[in-house]
Amino acid sequence: MNRAGVDPARVLAVSPHLDDAVFSAGALLTGLVAAGAEVTVLTVFTGSVTDPTGFALACQTDKGLADDVDYMALRRAEDVAAGAALGTTGFHLPLLEAPHRGYHSAAALFGPVVAGDEGCPVAIGEALTAFLDERFGGSVDLLLGPQALGDHVDHRHVRTAVDVLAHDRGLSLARWADTPYVLRAGAETPLGDPRYPTEEELDAKVEACAAYATQLGFQFDGTDAMVRALRALPETFYPPLPVDARTR
């Protein structure tokens, strides 16, 4: 309990990939922690695959990693370090990223759902429900997830599953503007209200984002560019955050 004798609010952020929640909402997450909330980040697509091939293998080798590296184990370790910088608690579901589910090119990730992947949102929803029941007794005070800006299929599937969970359990839901997609030329305008982080929150966010070393060159053109971009970008949420979260 906090000094007022009240249990801290419970917040669950559902991240498609190992970086999405931190890139998109890291300042809010660390701000909620500082205010006494219990903040959990649950990442959906984190499963390792032995001996990946084709496009799935290229997703690691094009970042300078050898083909015998367990790419997802490396990324999970980065996520643990990012969570330590924010003060959040992280959990990883073993579902497989889209390149391991029949999406065989970068363009395919942003196109129609491929045959055989239609049931993915249901599988995500079942895993989220089981996690919510086991860890939180079926409910949290705030559920966070992606708007799915950029149209990555994994983000779309997670948004669908999170929306269903919020509806079925009557949970307060806010969706973040997916970063770095929101920074790219021609990006869709995010829905919702901007939240302008404090300097302390920004410091923690950029430190956490720097932990994702395998992603920074690909997503931001390097660490310095990431710091500049994220320090200039407010976090945006739709529907609006609860007042306590919005004003911290």
Protein backbone atom coordinates (compact mmCIF):
# COMPACT_ATOMS: atom_id res chain seq x y z
CA MET A 1 0.00 0.00 0.00
CA ASN A 2 1.06 3.62 -0.49
CA ARG A 3 1.44 6.15 2.29
CA ALA A 4 -2.28 7.02 2.06
CA GLY A 5 -3.13 3.40 2.88
CA VAL A 6 -4.65 2.74 -0.56
CA ASP A 7 -3.64 -0.04 -2.91
CA PRO A 8 -1.96 1.45 -6.00
CA ALA A 9 -3.88 1.40 -9.26
CA ARG A 10 -3.24 -1.59 -11.47
CA VAL A 11 -2.29 -0.88 -15.08
CA LEU A 12 -1.84 -3.46 -17.83
CA ALA A 13 -0.17 -2.41 -21.08
CA VAL A 14 -0.48 -4.97 -23.89
CA SER A 15 2.41 -4.58 -26.32
CA PRO A 16 2.46 -6.37 -29.70
CA HIS A 17 6.26 -6.53 -29.88
CA LEU A 18 9.23 -6.15 -27.56
CA ASP A 19 9.52 -2.33 -27.71
CA ASP A 20 6.09 -1.07 -28.80
CA ALA A 21 4.75 -0.11 -25.38
CA VAL A 22 8.00 1.61 -24.38
CA PHE A 23 8.48 3.49 -27.67
CA SER A 24 4.82 4.59 -27.66
CA ALA A 25 3.93 5.09 -23.98
CA GLY A 26 7.10 4.78 -21.93
CA ALA A 27 6.75 8.21 -20.33
CA LEU A 28 3.20 7.50 -19.18
CA LEU A 29 4.20 4.10 -17.83
CA THR A 30 7.08 5.43 -15.75
CA GLY A 31 4.95 8.36 -14.60
CA LEU A 32 2.29 5.98 -13.33
CA VAL A 33 4.95 3.96 -11.52
CA ALA A 34 6.23 7.13 -9.85
CA ALA A 35 2.68 7.92 -8.73
CA GLY A 36 2.38 4.53 -7.02
CA ALA A 37 0.68 2.40 -9.67
CA GLU A 38 1.47 -1.25 -10.30
CA VAL A 39 2.34 -1.20 -14.01
CA THR A 40 2.65 -4.43 -15.97
CA VAL A 41 3.72 -4.67 -19.61
CA LEU A 42 2.62 -7.88 -21.30
CA THR A 43 4.22 -8.45 -24.70
CA VAL A 44 2.35 -10.79 -27.03
CA PHE A 45 4.68 -11.90 -29.84
CA THR A 46 7.93 -13.01 -28.19
CA GLY A 47 8.30 -16.70 -29.02
CA SER A 48 11.64 -18.03 -30.24
CA VAL A 49 11.88 -20.18 -33.37
CA THR A 50 14.69 -22.66 -33.90
CA ASP A 51 16.43 -22.32 -37.28
CA PRO A 52 14.32 -19.57 -38.90
CA THR A 53 14.56 -19.24 -42.67
CA GLY A 54 13.63 -16.81 -45.43
CA PHE A 55 12.12 -13.49 -44.47
CA ALA A 56 11.97 -14.45 -40.79
CA LEU A 57 15.73 -15.03 -40.77
CA ALA A 58 16.35 -11.82 -42.71
CA CYS A 59 14.58 -9.87 -39.97
CA GLN A 60 17.57 -10.60 -37.73
CA THR A 61 20.44 -10.79 -40.19
CA ASP A 62 19.56 -7.39 -41.68
CA LYS A 63 20.22 -5.96 -38.20
CA GLY A 64 23.74 -7.39 -38.18
CA LEU A 65 22.95 -10.50 -36.14
CA ALA A 66 24.33 -13.92 -37.05
CA ASP A 67 21.86 -16.52 -38.27
CA ASP A 68 22.53 -18.78 -35.26
CA VAL A 69 21.55 -16.09 -32.71
CA ASP A 70 18.30 -16.61 -30.79
CA TYR A 71 16.93 -13.27 -31.91
CA MET A 72 13.86 -13.30 -29.68
CA ALA A 73 15.84 -14.31 -26.60
CA LEU A 74 18.08 -11.31 -27.23
CA ARG A 75 15.05 -9.06 -27.63
CA ARG A 76 13.44 -10.40 -24.46
CA ALA A 77 16.61 -9.51 -22.56
CA GLU A 78 16.49 -5.99 -24.02
CA ASP A 79 12.90 -5.71 -22.82
CA VAL A 80 13.86 -6.69 -19.27
CA ALA A 81 16.46 -3.90 -19.25
CA ALA A 82 13.92 -1.41 -20.59
CA GLY A 83 11.44 -2.34 -17.89
CA ALA A 84 14.08 -1.83 -15.22
CA ALA A 85 14.63 1.73 -16.48
CA LEU A 86 10.90 2.49 -16.26
CA GLY A 87 10.15 0.57 -13.07
CA THR A 88 7.56 -1.62 -14.79
CA THR A 89 7.11 -5.38 -14.53
CA GLY A 90 7.28 -7.31 -17.79
CA PHE A 91 5.82 -10.61 -18.96
CA HIS A 92 6.23 -12.34 -22.33
CA LEU A 93 3.70 -14.50 -24.16
CA PRO A 94 5.17 -17.15 -26.47
CA LEU A 95 3.11 -16.35 -29.57
CA LEU A 96 5.06 -16.05 -32.84
CA GLU A 97 5.62 -12.85 -34.79
CA ALA A 98 4.05 -12.48 -38.23
CA PRO A 99 7.16 -13.55 -40.23
CA HIS A 100 6.73 -16.99 -38.62
CA ARG A 101 2.98 -17.12 -39.42
CA GLY A 102 3.05 -16.95 -43.21
CA TYR A 103 3.95 -13.29 -43.85
CA HIS A 104 6.93 -13.67 -46.16
CA SER A 105 7.88 -10.06 -46.96
CA ALA A 106 7.95 -6.64 -45.38
CA ALA A 107 5.06 -5.54 -47.59
CA ALA A 108 2.96 -8.50 -46.46
CA LEU A 109 3.17 -7.33 -42.84
CA PHE A 110 1.06 -4.31 -43.76
CA GLY A 111 -1.35 -6.05 -46.09
CA PRO A 112 -4.33 -8.37 -45.77
CA VAL A 113 -4.44 -11.13 -43.18
CA VAL A 114 -2.99 -14.27 -44.78
CA ALA A 115 -4.84 -17.56 -44.95
CA GLY A 116 -4.53 -19.47 -41.71
CA ASP A 117 -3.93 -16.38 -39.57
CA GLU A 118 -7.55 -15.32 -39.19
CA GLY A 119 -7.82 -16.87 -35.75
CA CYS A 120 -4.83 -15.02 -34.30
CA PRO A 121 -6.89 -12.36 -32.45
CA VAL A 122 -8.87 -15.12 -30.74
CA ALA A 123 -5.67 -16.85 -29.63
CA ILE A 124 -4.33 -13.54 -28.31
CA GLY A 125 -7.61 -12.89 -26.51
CA GLU A 126 -7.54 -16.28 -24.82
CA ALA A 127 -3.97 -15.69 -23.63
CA LEU A 128 -4.81 -12.18 -22.38
CA THR A 129 -7.86 -13.41 -20.51
CA ALA A 130 -5.90 -16.18 -18.83
CA PHE A 131 -3.16 -13.71 -17.82
CA LEU A 132 -5.67 -11.17 -16.52
CA ASP A 133 -7.44 -13.79 -14.44
CA GLU A 134 -4.28 -15.35 -13.04
CA ARG A 135 -2.34 -12.18 -12.22
CA PHE A 136 -5.07 -9.66 -11.48
CA GLY A 137 -8.13 -11.67 -10.55
CA GLY A 138 -9.90 -10.65 -13.76
CA SER A 139 -9.68 -6.85 -13.72
CA VAL A 140 -7.33 -3.86 -13.84
CA ASP A 141 -7.91 -0.14 -13.38
CA LEU A 142 -6.50 0.81 -16.78
CA LEU A 143 -5.85 -1.25 -19.91
CA LEU A 144 -3.49 0.13 -22.55
CA GLY A 145 -2.86 -1.06 -26.09
CA PRO A 146 -2.07 0.09 -29.65
CA GLN A 147 -4.15 2.19 -32.02
CA ALA A 148 -2.48 0.12 -34.77
CA LEU A 149 -1.23 3.14 -36.69
CA GLY A 150 0.91 1.92 -39.56
CA ASP A 151 -1.32 -1.15 -40.07
CA HIS A 152 1.21 -3.79 -39.05
CA VAL A 153 -0.78 -7.02 -38.87
CA ASP A 154 0.50 -7.90 -35.39
CA HIS A 155 -0.65 -4.51 -34.09
CA ARG A 156 -4.03 -4.92 -35.76
CA HIS A 157 -4.53 -8.33 -34.18
CA VAL A 158 -3.54 -7.07 -30.72
CA ARG A 159 -5.84 -4.07 -31.02
CA THR A 160 -8.76 -6.36 -31.86
CA ALA A 161 -8.04 -8.66 -28.93
CA VAL A 162 -7.56 -5.79 -26.46
CA ASP A 163 -10.78 -4.13 -27.59
CA VAL A 164 -12.73 -7.35 -27.07
CA LEU A 165 -11.17 -7.89 -23.65
CA ALA A 166 -12.00 -4.34 -22.54
CA HIS A 167 -15.59 -4.72 -23.73
CA ASP A 168 -16.13 -8.14 -22.19
CA ARG A 169 -14.65 -7.19 -18.80
CA GLY A 170 -15.82 -3.57 -18.69
CA LEU A 171 -12.28 -2.22 -18.41
CA SER A 172 -11.13 1.37 -18.85
CA LEU A 173 -9.16 1.36 -22.12
CA ALA A 174 -6.78 3.84 -23.76
CA ARG A 175 -4.86 3.21 -26.99
CA TRP A 176 -1.46 4.73 -27.64
CA ALA A 177 -0.26 6.22 -30.92
CA ASP A 178 2.08 3.58 -32.33
CA THR A 179 5.66 4.87 -32.38
CA PRO A 180 7.80 5.06 -34.51
CA TYR A 181 5.06 4.66 -37.17
CA VAL A 182 3.54 8.00 -36.17
CA LEU A 183 6.86 9.71 -37.01
CA ARG A 184 7.06 8.50 -40.61
CA ALA A 185 6.23 10.53 -43.69
CA GLY A 186 2.56 10.24 -44.59
CA ALA A 187 1.69 8.72 -41.21
CA GLU A 188 -1.93 8.55 -40.19
CA THR A 189 -2.88 11.23 -37.66
CA PRO A 190 -3.30 9.63 -34.23
CA LEU A 191 -6.63 9.87 -32.48
CA GLY A 192 -6.94 11.32 -29.01
CA ASP A 193 -5.32 13.77 -26.66
CA PRO A 194 -1.58 14.48 -26.41
CA ARG A 195 0.13 13.94 -23.08
CA TYR A 196 3.28 16.02 -22.58
CA PRO A 197 5.75 14.14 -20.36
CA THR A 198 7.86 15.69 -17.63
CA GLU A 199 11.62 15.84 -18.07
CA GLU A 200 12.03 13.03 -15.55
CA GLU A 201 9.60 10.85 -17.49
CA LEU A 202 11.37 11.62 -20.77
CA ASP A 203 14.75 10.81 -19.26
CA ALA A 204 13.48 7.41 -18.12
CA LYS A 205 11.77 6.77 -21.45
CA VAL A 206 14.81 7.45 -23.63
CA GLU A 207 16.98 5.36 -21.29
CA ALA A 208 14.49 2.50 -21.61
CA CYS A 209 14.25 2.86 -25.39
CA ALA A 210 18.04 2.79 -25.68
CA ALA A 211 17.94 -0.73 -24.23
CA TYR A 212 16.44 -1.98 -27.51
CA ALA A 213 19.82 -1.85 -29.20
CA THR A 214 18.90 -4.30 -31.97
CA GLN A 215 16.06 -2.03 -33.14
CA LEU A 216 17.37 1.52 -32.96
CA GLY A 217 19.20 1.63 -36.29
CA PHE A 218 16.27 0.09 -38.15
CA GLN A 219 13.50 2.06 -36.43
CA PHE A 220 15.12 5.46 -35.79
CA ASP A 221 18.46 5.60 -37.66
CA GLY A 222 20.37 5.26 -34.39
CA THR A 223 20.30 6.18 -30.72
CA ASP A 224 20.84 9.92 -31.14
CA ALA A 225 18.03 10.17 -33.67
CA MET A 226 15.75 8.21 -31.35
CA VAL A 227 16.46 10.59 -28.46
CA ARG A 228 15.77 13.65 -30.61
CA ALA A 229 12.57 12.23 -32.05
CA LEU A 230 11.05 11.01 -28.80
CA ARG A 231 11.93 14.11 -26.80
CA ALA A 232 10.02 16.20 -29.37
CA LEU A 233 6.98 13.90 -29.56
CA PRO A 234 4.06 13.98 -27.12
CA GLU A 235 2.44 10.67 -26.34
CA THR A 236 -1.13 10.51 -27.64
CA PHE A 237 -3.95 8.31 -26.31
CA TYR A 238 -7.51 7.57 -27.42
CA PRO A 239 -9.97 7.62 -25.77
CA PRO A 240 -8.57 10.23 -23.36
CA LEU A 241 -6.74 8.87 -20.35
CA PRO A 242 -8.37 9.01 -16.93
CA VAL A 243 -7.67 12.39 -15.32
CA ASP A 244 -5.16 11.02 -12.78
CA ALA A 245 -3.06 9.42 -15.51
CA ARG A 246 -3.39 12.38 -17.88
CA THR A 247 -2.24 15.04 -15.44
CA ARG A 248 0.68 13.29 -13.75
